[in-house]
Amino acid sequence: MSASLSSTRDHLSMSEQAASERSALGVDIGGSGIKAAPVDLASGQLLTRRERIPTPEPSTPAAVGEIVAELARRFEWTGPIGCTFPAVIKRGVALSAANVDKSWIGTDVDAVMSAATGCAVTVMNDADAAGVAEMRWGAGRGEEGLVIMITLGTGIGSALFIDGILVPNTELGHLEIRGKDAEARASANAREDRKLSWHEWAEDVDEYLRHVEHLLSPDLFIIGGGVSTKADRFVPRLTVTARVVPAAMGNDAGIAGAAHLARNG
């Protein structure tokens, strides 16, 4: 079967899935790309392949809203939509802007996306959304106590859970380590920019996690981001007291967590 026929078959059933209480459309807005897929909310699995469109330049509210609307159209989606967004989000409003245009600060992101798509859209901080997915379906499932998900990517994102309940909008990547933001030392981008070996970078990640542990005493760290697939190269070198495990949801975590938010608030 050709790719185009397969894609058509995948999309034909979207209107039926939109009507189901078991699904929602998840959208993951990043600095380089915007990804979306409908999600089975019982399992956290994507119901079709992801669609991806590059993040527009400049990434203004109008431009990003149109991309999200185009993704919804591709799936013929009319039901609830959950979106991740790289910012502190309070009551739908962006209070910061990381890797997107600064004109988002103070913008009601829920309202912009809802107007653009014609659907009910709920927006959540991107790291929080990934953490929700991991706690519900992934590495944090069934975990109690204080769990902190740390995403190591372009920067450092964080999501904090107490007995499974999210404490939103933590910005632990901006903790100061020896005079610099932690993400300037321990993010995946920092490893590449500084041309560090995995052994060298593990020392910086360990220093950062020990600092977080000193402040919050978590029971478990979940390490997300693309480097989670290479956890064997650095996790065994970490010396923190808390358990450290790689994320299990991979690049689908943000989409799945956002979709859960769309149905469950």
Protein backbone atom coordinates (compact mmCIF):
# COMPACT_ATOMS: atom_id res chain seq x y z
CA MET A 1 0.00 0.00 0.00
CA SER A 2 1.35 3.44 -0.93
CA ALA A 3 2.14 6.04 1.71
CA SER A 4 -0.55 8.36 0.34
CA LEU A 5 -3.23 5.64 0.50
CA SER A 6 -2.15 4.71 4.02
CA SER A 7 -2.29 8.37 5.10
CA THR A 8 -5.77 8.76 3.58
CA ARG A 9 -7.01 5.67 5.41
CA ASP A 10 -5.54 6.97 8.67
CA HIS A 11 -7.31 10.31 8.31
CA LEU A 12 -10.69 8.98 7.21
CA SER A 13 -11.55 7.88 10.74
CA MET A 14 -10.61 11.14 12.46
CA SER A 15 -14.16 12.48 12.73
CA GLU A 16 -15.22 9.26 14.48
CA GLN A 17 -12.29 9.52 16.88
CA ALA A 18 -13.07 13.16 17.62
CA ALA A 19 -16.50 12.14 18.87
CA SER A 20 -15.04 9.56 21.21
CA GLU A 21 -14.47 10.37 24.84
CA ARG A 22 -11.39 8.17 24.60
CA SER A 23 -9.42 10.49 22.34
CA ALA A 24 -8.19 14.05 21.91
CA LEU A 25 -5.78 15.84 19.62
CA GLY A 26 -2.41 16.62 21.16
CA VAL A 27 -0.18 19.38 19.77
CA ASP A 28 3.43 19.89 20.85
CA ILE A 29 4.72 23.41 20.08
CA GLY A 30 8.50 23.69 20.02
CA GLY A 31 11.06 26.19 18.88
CA SER A 32 11.87 24.30 15.68
CA GLY A 33 8.74 22.29 14.95
CA ILE A 34 5.06 21.86 15.82
CA LYS A 35 3.86 18.25 16.00
CA ALA A 36 0.39 16.79 16.41
CA ALA A 37 -1.52 13.52 16.53
CA PRO A 38 -4.76 12.17 17.99
CA VAL A 39 -4.19 10.17 21.18
CA ASP A 40 -5.97 7.20 22.74
CA LEU A 41 -6.47 8.45 26.28
CA ALA A 42 -6.75 4.96 27.75
CA SER A 43 -3.25 3.94 26.65
CA GLY A 44 -1.48 7.20 25.76
CA GLN A 45 -0.69 5.78 22.34
CA LEU A 46 -0.90 7.88 19.18
CA LEU A 47 -3.78 6.78 16.95
CA THR A 48 -1.97 7.71 13.71
CA ARG A 49 1.47 8.86 12.69
CA ARG A 50 2.46 12.34 13.82
CA GLU A 51 2.20 15.33 11.54
CA ARG A 52 4.95 17.97 11.82
CA ILE A 53 5.25 21.50 10.44
CA PRO A 54 8.31 23.71 11.05
CA THR A 55 7.75 26.50 13.57
CA PRO A 56 7.28 29.74 11.59
CA GLU A 57 9.78 32.61 11.66
CA PRO A 58 8.90 34.83 13.40
CA SER A 59 6.85 32.60 15.71
CA THR A 60 4.16 35.20 16.48
CA PRO A 61 0.75 34.29 17.92
CA ALA A 62 -0.97 34.68 14.53
CA ALA A 63 1.64 32.58 12.71
CA VAL A 64 1.74 29.76 15.27
CA GLY A 65 -2.05 29.76 15.58
CA GLU A 66 -2.36 29.19 11.83
CA ILE A 67 0.03 26.22 11.99
CA VAL A 68 -1.98 24.63 14.79
CA ALA A 69 -5.16 25.24 12.76
CA GLU A 70 -3.57 23.57 9.73
CA LEU A 71 -2.64 20.53 11.79
CA ALA A 72 -6.21 20.28 13.09
CA ARG A 73 -7.47 20.47 9.49
CA ARG A 74 -5.14 17.67 8.41
CA PHE A 75 -6.84 15.40 10.93
CA GLU A 76 -10.31 16.83 10.21
CA TRP A 77 -10.42 17.44 13.95
CA THR A 78 -13.43 19.10 15.61
CA GLY A 79 -13.10 17.94 19.21
CA PRO A 80 -10.97 19.17 22.13
CA ILE A 81 -7.30 19.98 21.56
CA GLY A 82 -4.48 20.10 24.08
CA CYS A 83 -1.33 22.10 23.31
CA THR A 84 2.06 22.24 24.93
CA PHE A 85 3.79 25.61 24.94
CA PRO A 86 7.38 26.56 25.91
CA ALA A 87 6.44 29.07 28.60
CA VAL A 88 5.07 29.51 32.09
CA ILE A 89 1.30 29.20 31.61
CA LYS A 90 -1.20 30.48 34.19
CA ARG A 91 -4.91 30.31 33.45
CA GLY A 92 -4.09 30.01 29.76
CA VAL A 93 -1.85 33.08 29.63
CA ALA A 94 1.87 32.93 28.75
CA LEU A 95 4.02 34.67 31.35
CA SER A 96 7.29 33.92 29.56
CA ALA A 97 8.48 32.78 26.14
CA ALA A 98 11.31 30.30 25.53
CA ASN A 99 12.37 29.70 21.91
CA VAL A 100 9.28 31.51 20.57
CA ASP A 101 8.58 35.15 19.79
CA LYS A 102 8.52 37.43 22.84
CA SER A 103 5.17 38.86 21.70
CA TRP A 104 3.62 35.78 23.34
CA ILE A 105 4.33 37.17 26.82
CA GLY A 106 1.02 38.29 28.30
CA THR A 107 -0.97 36.60 25.51
CA ASP A 108 -3.97 34.39 26.26
CA VAL A 109 -2.67 31.32 24.44
CA ASP A 110 -5.87 29.33 25.04
CA ALA A 111 -7.88 32.09 23.35
CA VAL A 112 -5.51 32.45 20.39
CA MET A 113 -5.52 28.73 19.65
CA SER A 114 -9.25 28.32 20.19
CA ALA A 115 -9.99 31.18 17.78
CA ALA A 116 -7.58 29.82 15.17
CA THR A 117 -8.89 26.24 15.23
CA GLY A 118 -12.55 26.74 16.10
CA CYS A 119 -12.08 24.08 18.78
CA ALA A 120 -11.80 24.18 22.55
CA VAL A 121 -8.04 24.38 23.17
CA THR A 122 -6.27 24.02 26.51
CA VAL A 123 -2.58 24.93 26.80
CA MET A 124 0.02 23.64 29.24
CA ASN A 125 3.74 24.17 29.83
CA ASP A 126 5.65 21.73 27.62
CA ALA A 127 7.67 20.01 30.34
CA ASP A 128 4.56 19.70 32.52
CA ALA A 129 2.73 17.98 29.65
CA ALA A 130 5.55 15.49 29.12
CA GLY A 131 5.61 14.84 32.86
CA VAL A 132 1.86 14.19 32.95
CA ALA A 133 2.27 11.57 30.23
CA GLU A 134 5.14 9.87 32.04
CA MET A 135 3.24 9.78 35.32
CA ARG A 136 0.08 8.44 33.71
CA TRP A 137 1.46 5.94 31.20
CA GLY A 138 5.26 5.90 31.42
CA ALA A 139 8.19 5.72 33.82
CA GLY A 140 6.32 7.42 36.67
CA ARG A 141 3.20 5.28 36.58
CA GLY A 142 2.25 4.17 40.09
CA GLU A 143 5.04 6.18 41.71
CA GLU A 144 4.31 8.01 44.97
CA GLY A 145 6.19 10.64 46.90
CA LEU A 146 8.05 13.47 45.16
CA VAL A 147 8.84 12.76 41.51
CA ILE A 148 10.70 15.27 39.34
CA MET A 149 10.90 14.92 35.59
CA ILE A 150 13.85 16.71 34.02
CA THR A 151 13.93 17.16 30.24
CA LEU A 152 17.41 17.66 28.81
CA GLY A 153 17.20 19.22 25.37
CA THR A 154 17.71 22.70 23.94
CA GLY A 155 17.34 23.85 27.55
CA ILE A 156 16.24 22.10 30.73
CA GLY A 157 12.58 21.66 31.52
CA SER A 158 11.10 20.36 34.74
CA ALA A 159 7.85 18.91 36.03
CA LEU A 160 7.26 18.23 39.73
CA PHE A 161 4.69 15.79 41.13
CA ILE A 162 3.68 15.08 44.72
CA ASP A 163 1.87 11.74 45.01
CA GLY A 164 0.98 12.04 41.34
CA ILE A 165 -0.33 15.60 41.55
CA LEU A 166 1.39 18.18 39.34
CA VAL A 167 2.86 21.35 40.82
CA PRO A 168 2.83 23.41 37.60
CA ASN A 169 5.32 25.79 36.04
CA THR A 170 8.49 24.87 37.88
CA GLU A 171 11.53 26.32 36.12
CA LEU A 172 14.31 24.26 37.66
CA GLY A 173 16.43 24.57 34.55
CA HIS A 174 17.12 28.16 35.57
CA LEU A 175 18.66 27.30 38.92
CA GLU A 176 22.09 28.91 39.18
CA ILE A 177 25.07 26.57 39.07
CA ARG A 178 28.41 28.29 39.63
CA GLY A 179 27.13 31.60 38.27
CA LYS A 180 25.27 30.26 35.22
CA ASP A 181 21.81 28.91 34.46
CA ALA A 182 21.87 25.16 34.92
CA GLU A 183 20.78 24.67 31.32
CA ALA A 184 23.93 26.47 30.13
CA ARG A 185 25.92 23.62 31.71
CA ALA A 186 23.75 20.50 31.73
CA SER A 187 21.33 20.67 28.78
CA ALA A 188 21.83 18.40 25.79
CA ASN A 189 22.65 21.45 23.69
CA ALA A 190 25.32 22.47 26.17
CA ARG A 191 27.01 19.08 25.74
CA GLU A 192 27.07 19.52 21.97
CA ASP A 193 28.08 23.19 22.04
CA ARG A 194 30.95 22.51 24.45
CA LYS A 195 31.90 19.29 22.64
CA LEU A 196 31.85 17.30 25.87
CA SER A 197 32.19 13.53 26.09
CA TRP A 198 29.34 11.65 27.75
CA HIS A 199 31.58 11.16 30.79
CA GLU A 200 32.33 14.89 31.05
CA TRP A 201 28.72 15.87 30.52
CA ALA A 202 27.54 13.34 33.12
CA GLU A 203 29.56 15.25 35.71
CA ASP A 204 27.66 18.46 34.88
CA VAL A 205 24.30 16.68 34.92
CA ASP A 206 25.21 15.09 38.25
CA GLU A 207 26.19 18.46 39.73
CA TYR A 208 22.84 19.88 38.63
CA LEU A 209 20.77 16.97 39.94
CA ARG A 210 22.61 17.00 43.26
CA HIS A 211 21.72 20.69 43.57
CA VAL A 212 18.04 19.93 42.91
CA GLU A 213 18.20 17.02 45.34
CA HIS A 214 19.70 19.24 48.04
CA LEU A 215 16.77 21.66 47.65
CA LEU A 216 13.84 19.25 47.24
CA SER A 217 14.85 15.68 48.24
CA PRO A 218 12.91 13.87 45.52
CA ASP A 219 12.24 10.15 45.58
CA LEU A 220 12.66 9.75 41.82
CA PHE A 221 14.14 11.65 38.88
CA ILE A 222 12.77 10.86 35.42
CA ILE A 223 15.14 11.98 32.66
CA GLY A 224 13.42 13.01 29.44
CA GLY A 225 14.46 14.56 26.16
CA GLY A 226 16.17 12.85 23.26
CA VAL A 227 19.12 11.87 25.46
CA SER A 228 16.83 9.55 27.44
CA THR A 229 17.39 6.94 24.71
CA LYS A 230 21.11 7.03 25.55
CA ALA A 231 20.66 6.89 29.32
CA ASP A 232 23.17 4.05 29.61
CA ARG A 233 25.92 6.50 28.63
CA PHE A 234 25.44 8.83 31.58
CA VAL A 235 22.86 7.66 34.16
CA PRO A 236 25.19 4.99 35.67
CA ARG A 237 27.70 7.78 36.41
CA LEU A 238 25.25 9.83 38.50
CA THR A 239 25.73 9.93 42.26
CA VAL A 240 22.42 11.34 43.51
CA THR A 241 20.65 9.43 46.26
CA ALA A 242 17.27 9.43 44.50
CA ARG A 243 16.53 6.81 41.86
CA VAL A 244 17.10 8.00 38.30
CA VAL A 245 15.27 6.40 35.36
CA PRO A 246 14.93 7.34 31.69
CA ALA A 247 11.56 8.50 30.37
CA ALA A 248 9.50 5.84 28.63
CA MET A 249 7.22 7.86 26.34
CA GLY A 250 9.92 9.26 24.07
CA ASN A 251 9.01 12.07 21.68
CA ASP A 252 5.30 11.30 22.09
CA ALA A 253 5.17 12.46 25.72
CA GLY A 254 4.28 16.09 25.06
CA ILE A 255 1.55 15.21 22.57
CA ALA A 256 0.06 12.56 24.87
CA GLY A 257 0.17 14.77 27.98
CA ALA A 258 -1.45 17.66 26.12
CA ALA A 259 -4.20 15.41 24.83
CA HIS A 260 -4.92 14.18 28.36
CA LEU A 261 -5.22 17.79 29.47
CA ALA A 262 -7.73 18.53 26.70
CA ARG A 263 -10.20 15.99 28.12
CA ASN A 264 -9.40 16.18 31.80
CA GLY A 265 -8.35 19.78 32.47
